Amino acid sequence: MIFHNITTIIHFAIRTKNANKIIFFIEDLSHFRFVEKIFQYFAKNNYEITVLSFENPFGSRVYNNEKINLIILKNDLEKIKILKNLKGGIFITTTPSIGSAIFPKSQIRPKEDRPKYLYFFHSLVSPNEMYIKNSFKDFDYIFSPSNIISEQLKPLVGSKVKIFTTGYLLFDEIKPRDEFTNFDSKVLIAPTWGEDGVNEIVSNLDKLTDFINKQSLIPVFRPHPMTDISKLKIGSDVILDLEKDLINLEDYKYLITDFSGIALEFFYLAKRPVIFLDVSKKIKRKLNKKEKEFNLIENDMRTIIGDVFTLNEITNLESFPDINFETAEKFIQNINSNLNSLNKTIEILKVEGLTL
């Protein structure tokens, strides 16, 4: 009994010491905005923060804090080595598939020194068809944007994974607004990541630009940050938006996309209809029996916050689609279940003993 008590005290001391150490894995600048609010919370409250990234993820932001340690990873081999030897309280990321060979958990001993693994969503689409198998099963905690996604996660995780519906951190304290009227006369063409769909769109980019020009608007093409633009045959006359931070999304008058979650962000912020292209969907795995019962968000949105057109139909299209705004607003409100996402997240972290 005495040995047990001493061990318990030692383990508690280790966990208390490590609780002040926060680790973020942020692939690049395009991912930082999804965890920026919780990062700022830890920075303001004097936590020791280690950031692992393949580039400076902060962009133009300046964090003059001696307790922030930014490690720029040279390659995947270095990433794997560091991840296997991590010590800390919690590990926060928007990258799925923790526990895989390419994204391993810490293997240090004692186990009490290993961090708890927390996942925050970087998209509002469903966590099913567009994610590979076992994307979520090895996290300790998942912070979900909506009740819809929380339900869709249940068949994908084990009994030890805790799912909390906290809302979308990116939209913390941002309500679905009335139509945003301070926009430029530009249309953003922004396909999701996935070779087949992107190639279909790029091959027919002239049809899209002709349609946009007929609306007396300016077309702008934005490839997904994971798309290798050097492999795309895009004419030099096409205006590109390569801004990874995507801080100007609502400045565009309209959006044209495929199955990308960018459509949900755009409509949430701008309240203007979206054109969805009838191209190949990026499907990473087959749905299991339970998942087939779900209405996938990225499928439903295509006829609720906009309308679907083939690339040939675009040629004869005269305007952007009309939609039922009452139905669209109800739909968009349901994808963000908590408007005070940061406070809800912090509350759960404290209740779960993940922060001091």
Protein backbone atom coordinates (compact mmCIF):
# COMPACT_ATOMS: atom_id res chain seq x y z
CA MET A 1 0.00 0.00 0.00
CA ILE A 2 2.83 2.40 0.82
CA PHE A 3 4.52 1.62 -2.51
CA HIS A 4 1.23 2.22 -4.31
CA ASN A 5 0.79 5.56 -2.61
CA ILE A 6 4.31 6.69 -3.43
CA THR A 7 3.88 5.62 -7.05
CA THR A 8 0.62 7.51 -7.28
CA ILE A 9 2.28 10.64 -5.91
CA ILE A 10 5.18 10.32 -8.37
CA HIS A 11 2.80 9.81 -11.31
CA PHE A 12 0.73 12.81 -10.22
CA ALA A 13 3.88 14.94 -9.97
CA ILE A 14 4.96 13.90 -13.46
CA ARG A 15 1.54 14.64 -14.97
CA THR A 16 1.41 18.01 -13.17
CA LYS A 17 4.85 18.91 -14.46
CA ASN A 18 3.99 17.89 -18.01
CA ALA A 19 0.56 19.55 -17.99
CA ASN A 20 2.21 22.90 -18.60
CA LYS A 21 3.88 21.60 -21.77
CA ILE A 22 1.77 21.91 -24.92
CA ILE A 23 2.80 20.49 -28.29
CA PHE A 24 1.28 21.60 -31.59
CA PHE A 25 1.84 19.79 -34.85
CA ILE A 26 0.89 22.24 -37.60
CA GLU A 27 1.76 21.03 -41.08
CA ASP A 28 2.11 24.49 -42.58
CA LEU A 29 0.61 27.97 -42.65
CA SER A 30 -2.66 26.72 -44.15
CA HIS A 31 -3.41 24.74 -40.97
CA PHE A 32 -2.60 27.32 -38.29
CA ARG A 33 -5.83 29.30 -38.53
CA PHE A 34 -7.84 26.26 -37.37
CA VAL A 35 -6.06 26.15 -33.99
CA GLU A 36 -5.02 29.79 -33.70
CA LYS A 37 -7.52 30.61 -30.96
CA ILE A 38 -6.44 27.79 -28.65
CA PHE A 39 -2.77 28.51 -29.43
CA GLN A 40 -3.24 32.13 -28.37
CA TYR A 41 -4.90 30.99 -25.15
CA PHE A 42 -1.92 28.86 -24.15
CA ALA A 43 0.55 31.56 -25.20
CA LYS A 44 -1.21 34.24 -23.13
CA ASN A 45 -1.33 31.96 -20.10
CA ASN A 46 2.40 31.31 -20.09
CA TYR A 47 2.39 27.64 -21.08
CA GLU A 48 5.50 26.05 -22.54
CA ILE A 49 4.65 25.54 -26.20
CA THR A 50 6.50 23.48 -28.78
CA VAL A 51 5.38 23.87 -32.38
CA LEU A 52 6.37 21.27 -34.97
CA SER A 53 5.91 22.33 -38.59
CA PHE A 54 7.44 22.02 -42.05
CA GLU A 55 7.47 25.82 -42.36
CA ASN A 56 6.82 28.89 -40.26
CA PRO A 57 3.08 28.39 -39.60
CA PHE A 58 2.43 31.89 -38.28
CA GLY A 59 2.66 33.88 -41.52
CA SER A 60 2.73 37.59 -40.70
CA ARG A 61 1.75 37.00 -37.07
CA VAL A 62 4.41 37.80 -34.48
CA TYR A 63 4.67 35.89 -31.20
CA ASN A 64 7.41 37.35 -28.98
CA ASN A 65 7.19 34.72 -26.30
CA GLU A 66 10.26 32.98 -24.91
CA LYS A 67 8.18 29.94 -24.01
CA ILE A 68 7.27 29.24 -27.65
CA ASN A 69 9.73 26.86 -29.29
CA LEU A 70 9.27 26.54 -33.06
CA ILE A 71 10.89 23.50 -34.67
CA ILE A 72 10.99 23.53 -38.47
CA LEU A 73 11.07 19.92 -39.65
CA LYS A 74 13.45 19.09 -42.50
CA ASN A 75 11.63 15.98 -43.70
CA ASP A 76 9.36 13.11 -42.67
CA LEU A 77 12.23 11.11 -41.17
CA GLU A 78 13.04 13.91 -38.75
CA LYS A 79 9.33 14.33 -37.99
CA ILE A 80 8.96 10.63 -37.12
CA LYS A 81 12.04 10.64 -34.89
CA ILE A 82 10.86 13.68 -32.94
CA LEU A 83 7.30 12.41 -32.61
CA LYS A 84 8.48 9.10 -31.16
CA ASN A 85 10.41 10.92 -28.45
CA LEU A 86 7.91 13.58 -27.39
CA LYS A 87 7.32 14.47 -23.76
CA GLY A 88 4.50 16.76 -22.70
CA GLY A 89 0.97 17.24 -21.44
CA ILE A 90 -1.13 17.45 -24.60
CA PHE A 91 -0.49 17.19 -28.32
CA ILE A 92 -2.79 19.25 -30.55
CA THR A 93 -3.14 18.79 -34.29
CA THR A 94 -5.50 19.12 -37.26
CA THR A 95 -3.72 16.25 -39.03
CA PRO A 96 -5.56 12.91 -38.81
CA SER A 97 -4.13 9.36 -38.55
CA ILE A 98 -2.09 9.72 -35.36
CA GLY A 99 -0.54 6.37 -34.45
CA SER A 100 0.30 5.46 -38.04
CA ALA A 101 3.83 4.72 -39.24
CA ILE A 102 4.18 8.16 -40.81
CA PHE A 103 2.56 9.96 -37.84
CA PRO A 104 3.53 7.96 -34.74
CA LYS A 105 2.76 8.52 -31.09
CA SER A 106 5.43 9.02 -28.44
CA GLN A 107 7.18 5.85 -27.32
CA ILE A 108 9.13 7.25 -24.36
CA ARG A 109 9.03 5.82 -20.85
CA PRO A 110 7.59 6.20 -18.35
CA LYS A 111 4.27 6.32 -20.17
CA GLU A 112 3.13 9.14 -17.87
CA ASP A 113 5.47 11.46 -19.75
CA ARG A 114 3.68 10.87 -23.04
CA PRO A 115 1.18 13.51 -24.15
CA LYS A 116 -2.53 13.02 -24.65
CA TYR A 117 -3.46 13.38 -28.34
CA LEU A 118 -6.13 15.91 -29.31
CA TYR A 119 -7.66 16.38 -32.76
CA PHE A 120 -9.31 19.57 -34.01
CA PHE A 121 -11.07 19.66 -37.37
CA HIS A 122 -9.69 21.68 -40.27
CA SER A 123 -12.81 21.19 -42.34
CA LEU A 124 -16.57 21.06 -41.80
CA VAL A 125 -17.19 18.13 -44.15
CA SER A 126 -18.13 14.71 -42.81
CA PRO A 127 -15.31 12.58 -41.35
CA ASN A 128 -16.15 9.53 -43.41
CA GLU A 129 -15.72 9.06 -47.15
CA MET A 130 -13.05 11.73 -47.64
CA TYR A 131 -10.73 10.40 -44.90
CA ILE A 132 -8.64 7.24 -44.99
CA LYS A 133 -9.33 4.28 -42.71
CA ASN A 134 -8.37 4.72 -39.05
CA SER A 135 -7.97 8.48 -39.35
CA PHE A 136 -9.44 9.08 -35.88
CA LYS A 137 -9.24 5.84 -33.90
CA ASP A 138 -5.97 6.52 -32.04
CA PHE A 139 -6.65 10.00 -30.71
CA ASP A 140 -7.44 10.38 -27.03
CA TYR A 141 -9.76 13.35 -27.53
CA ILE A 142 -11.58 14.69 -30.57
CA PHE A 143 -13.09 18.16 -30.56
CA SER A 144 -15.93 18.17 -33.05
CA PRO A 145 -17.47 21.22 -34.77
CA SER A 146 -21.04 19.91 -34.72
CA ASN A 147 -23.42 17.31 -33.39
CA ILE A 148 -23.64 15.97 -36.94
CA ILE A 149 -19.92 15.23 -37.12
CA SER A 150 -19.85 13.88 -33.55
CA GLU A 151 -22.45 11.26 -34.53
CA GLN A 152 -20.60 10.43 -37.73
CA LEU A 153 -17.40 9.86 -35.76
CA LYS A 154 -18.83 7.24 -33.41
CA PRO A 155 -18.44 4.25 -35.76
CA LEU A 156 -14.84 5.29 -36.45
CA VAL A 157 -13.37 5.30 -32.94
CA GLY A 158 -12.98 2.94 -30.02
CA SER A 159 -14.64 3.21 -26.62
CA LYS A 160 -11.64 4.98 -25.09
CA VAL A 161 -11.74 7.93 -27.50
CA LYS A 162 -13.62 10.89 -26.04
CA ILE A 163 -15.59 13.05 -28.48
CA PHE A 164 -16.69 16.52 -27.43
CA THR A 165 -18.87 18.81 -29.51
CA THR A 166 -17.26 22.20 -29.00
CA GLY A 167 -17.93 24.03 -32.27
CA TYR A 168 -15.53 25.15 -34.97
CA LEU A 169 -12.58 27.05 -33.49
CA LEU A 170 -12.16 29.00 -36.71
CA PHE A 171 -15.65 30.45 -36.20
CA ASP A 172 -15.27 31.19 -32.50
CA GLU A 173 -17.62 34.08 -31.63
CA ILE A 174 -18.57 34.48 -35.32
CA LYS A 175 -22.28 34.11 -35.92
CA PRO A 176 -23.70 33.19 -39.32
CA ARG A 177 -24.10 36.69 -40.61
CA ASP A 178 -26.41 38.49 -42.99
CA GLU A 179 -25.01 38.80 -46.49
CA PHE A 180 -21.52 40.28 -46.49
CA THR A 181 -21.69 43.19 -48.95
CA ASN A 182 -18.13 44.51 -48.87
CA PHE A 183 -16.72 42.24 -51.57
CA ASP A 184 -14.55 42.51 -54.67
CA SER A 185 -15.81 41.81 -58.18
CA LYS A 186 -14.01 38.47 -58.22
CA VAL A 187 -15.03 34.80 -58.29
CA LEU A 188 -12.85 32.21 -56.59
CA ILE A 189 -12.46 28.81 -58.27
CA ALA A 190 -11.25 26.53 -55.47
CA PRO A 191 -11.29 22.75 -55.96
CA THR A 192 -10.50 20.39 -53.12
CA TRP A 193 -7.41 18.20 -53.06
CA GLY A 194 -7.70 15.14 -55.30
CA GLU A 195 -6.05 14.55 -58.64
CA ASP A 196 -9.03 13.47 -60.76
CA GLY A 197 -11.37 16.31 -59.86
CA VAL A 198 -8.66 18.98 -60.10
CA ASN A 199 -7.57 17.77 -63.52
CA GLU A 200 -11.16 17.85 -64.79
CA ILE A 201 -11.55 21.43 -63.58
CA VAL A 202 -8.20 22.66 -64.89
CA SER A 203 -8.88 21.05 -68.28
CA ASN A 204 -12.09 23.06 -68.49
CA LEU A 205 -10.85 26.24 -66.88
CA ASP A 206 -11.64 28.23 -70.02
CA LYS A 207 -15.35 27.39 -69.68
CA LEU A 208 -15.35 28.62 -66.10
CA THR A 209 -13.46 31.82 -66.86
CA ASP A 210 -15.73 32.57 -69.84
CA PHE A 211 -18.81 32.19 -67.64
CA ILE A 212 -17.33 34.43 -64.95
CA ASN A 213 -16.27 37.06 -67.46
CA LYS A 214 -19.83 37.13 -68.82
CA GLN A 215 -20.95 38.16 -65.32
CA SER A 216 -18.54 41.11 -65.53
CA LEU A 217 -16.49 39.48 -62.80
CA ILE A 218 -12.83 38.44 -62.53
CA PRO A 219 -11.94 34.74 -62.20
CA VAL A 220 -9.28 33.72 -59.68
CA PHE A 221 -8.02 30.14 -59.31
CA ARG A 222 -6.95 28.81 -55.91
CA PRO A 223 -5.47 25.31 -55.82
CA HIS A 224 -5.73 23.35 -52.58
CA PRO A 225 -2.54 23.85 -50.49
CA MET A 226 -1.72 20.15 -50.93
CA THR A 227 -2.01 20.32 -54.72
CA ASP A 228 1.27 20.42 -56.64
CA ILE A 229 0.57 23.39 -58.88
CA SER A 230 3.65 22.66 -61.01
CA LYS A 231 1.83 19.59 -62.36
CA LEU A 232 -1.19 21.61 -63.48
CA LYS A 233 -1.37 23.13 -66.95
CA ILE A 234 -2.61 26.59 -66.04
CA GLY A 235 -2.20 29.44 -68.49
CA SER A 236 -0.13 32.45 -67.53
CA ASP A 237 -3.20 34.66 -67.98
CA VAL A 238 -5.03 32.97 -65.07
CA ILE A 239 -4.91 34.91 -61.80
CA LEU A 240 -3.83 32.68 -58.92
CA ASP A 241 -4.61 32.99 -55.22
CA LEU A 242 -1.80 31.15 -53.44
CA GLU A 243 -2.49 32.67 -50.03
CA LYS A 244 -2.34 29.74 -47.62
CA ASP A 245 -3.89 31.68 -44.78
CA LEU A 246 -7.16 32.25 -46.67
CA ILE A 247 -7.91 35.40 -44.69
CA ASN A 248 -9.76 37.03 -47.58
CA LEU A 249 -12.38 34.40 -48.42
CA GLU A 250 -15.45 36.59 -47.94
CA ASP A 251 -13.89 39.28 -50.14
CA TYR A 252 -14.85 37.21 -53.18
CA LYS A 253 -18.32 37.79 -54.57
CA TYR A 254 -18.87 34.15 -55.46
CA LEU A 255 -17.27 30.73 -55.14
CA ILE A 256 -17.01 27.80 -57.54
CA THR A 257 -15.83 24.50 -56.10
CA ASP A 258 -16.54 20.76 -56.08
CA PHE A 259 -16.83 18.94 -52.74
CA SER A 260 -14.52 21.22 -50.77
CA GLY A 261 -15.32 22.34 -47.25
CA ILE A 262 -14.32 25.83 -48.37
CA ALA A 263 -17.94 26.15 -49.58
CA LEU A 264 -19.22 25.82 -46.01
CA GLU A 265 -16.79 28.47 -44.77
CA PHE A 266 -17.72 30.79 -47.63
CA PHE A 267 -21.47 30.54 -47.14
CA TYR A 268 -21.15 30.81 -43.34
CA LEU A 269 -19.23 34.07 -43.78
CA ALA A 270 -20.72 35.56 -46.93
CA LYS A 271 -24.23 34.12 -47.30
CA ARG A 272 -23.95 33.94 -51.08
CA PRO A 273 -24.72 30.85 -53.19
CA VAL A 274 -22.02 28.53 -54.47
CA ILE A 275 -21.63 26.73 -57.79
CA PHE A 276 -20.65 23.09 -57.29
CA LEU A 277 -19.07 21.28 -60.21
CA ASP A 278 -20.11 17.77 -61.15
CA VAL A 279 -16.64 16.22 -61.13
CA SER A 280 -15.12 13.14 -59.51
CA LYS A 281 -15.28 13.14 -55.72
CA LYS A 282 -12.17 12.39 -53.72
CA ILE A 283 -13.20 9.13 -52.03
CA LYS A 284 -10.53 7.65 -49.79
CA ARG A 285 -12.40 4.60 -48.56
CA LYS A 286 -15.71 2.77 -48.72
CA LEU A 287 -18.31 3.51 -46.08
CA ASN A 288 -19.14 0.84 -43.52
CA LYS A 289 -22.72 -0.32 -42.92
CA LYS A 290 -23.43 2.25 -40.21
CA GLU A 291 -21.91 5.12 -42.19
CA LYS A 292 -24.19 4.42 -45.14
CA GLU A 293 -27.06 5.66 -42.98
CA PHE A 294 -25.51 9.13 -42.70
CA ASN A 295 -26.25 12.16 -44.83
CA LEU A 296 -22.75 13.35 -45.63
CA ILE A 297 -22.34 17.09 -45.25
CA GLU A 298 -20.27 17.55 -48.41
CA ASN A 299 -22.98 15.82 -50.45
CA ASP A 300 -25.93 17.67 -48.92
CA MET A 301 -24.36 21.11 -49.21
CA ARG A 302 -24.22 20.88 -53.01
CA THR A 303 -27.97 21.33 -53.39
CA ILE A 304 -28.64 23.43 -50.25
CA ILE A 305 -26.15 26.31 -50.27
CA GLY A 306 -25.81 26.23 -54.06
CA ASP A 307 -26.45 24.01 -57.03
CA VAL A 308 -24.57 21.42 -59.09
CA PHE A 309 -23.60 21.89 -62.74
CA THR A 310 -21.57 19.86 -65.18
CA LEU A 311 -18.63 21.58 -66.81
CA ASN A 312 -20.55 21.59 -70.09
CA GLU A 313 -23.60 23.20 -68.48
CA ILE A 314 -21.44 26.08 -67.27
CA THR A 315 -21.10 27.23 -70.87
CA ASN A 316 -24.82 28.06 -71.13
CA LEU A 317 -25.30 29.18 -67.55
CA GLU A 318 -26.48 32.77 -67.29
CA SER A 319 -26.03 33.50 -63.58
CA PHE A 320 -25.18 32.07 -60.19
CA PRO A 321 -27.94 29.86 -58.76
CA ASP A 322 -30.90 30.93 -56.69
CA ILE A 323 -31.31 29.03 -53.43
CA ASN A 324 -33.78 28.75 -50.57
CA PHE A 325 -31.99 30.93 -48.03
CA GLU A 326 -34.15 29.81 -45.11
CA THR A 327 -33.19 26.18 -45.70
CA ALA A 328 -29.56 27.12 -46.35
CA GLU A 329 -29.30 29.13 -43.12
CA LYS A 330 -30.67 26.28 -41.02
CA PHE A 331 -28.20 23.92 -42.66
CA ILE A 332 -25.21 26.20 -42.13
CA GLN A 333 -26.12 26.85 -38.48
CA ASN A 334 -26.13 23.10 -37.84
CA ILE A 335 -22.53 22.67 -38.94
CA ASN A 336 -21.24 24.81 -36.04
CA SER A 337 -22.90 23.65 -32.83
CA ASN A 338 -21.25 26.12 -30.46
CA LEU A 339 -20.58 29.78 -31.22
CA ASN A 340 -18.27 30.09 -28.18
CA SER A 341 -15.99 27.27 -29.22
CA LEU A 342 -12.86 28.45 -27.41
CA ASN A 343 -14.55 28.78 -24.01
CA LYS A 344 -16.21 25.39 -24.43
CA THR A 345 -12.90 23.82 -25.38
CA ILE A 346 -11.03 25.32 -22.42
CA GLU A 347 -13.82 24.22 -20.07
CA ILE A 348 -13.46 20.61 -21.25
CA LEU A 349 -9.67 20.70 -21.05
CA LYS A 350 -9.92 21.74 -17.41
CA VAL A 351 -12.61 19.22 -16.51
CA GLU A 352 -10.58 16.43 -18.11
CA GLY A 353 -7.46 17.49 -16.21
CA LEU A 354 -5.56 18.28 -19.39
CA THR A 355 -4.52 21.78 -18.33
CA LEU A 356 -3.58 23.43 -15.07
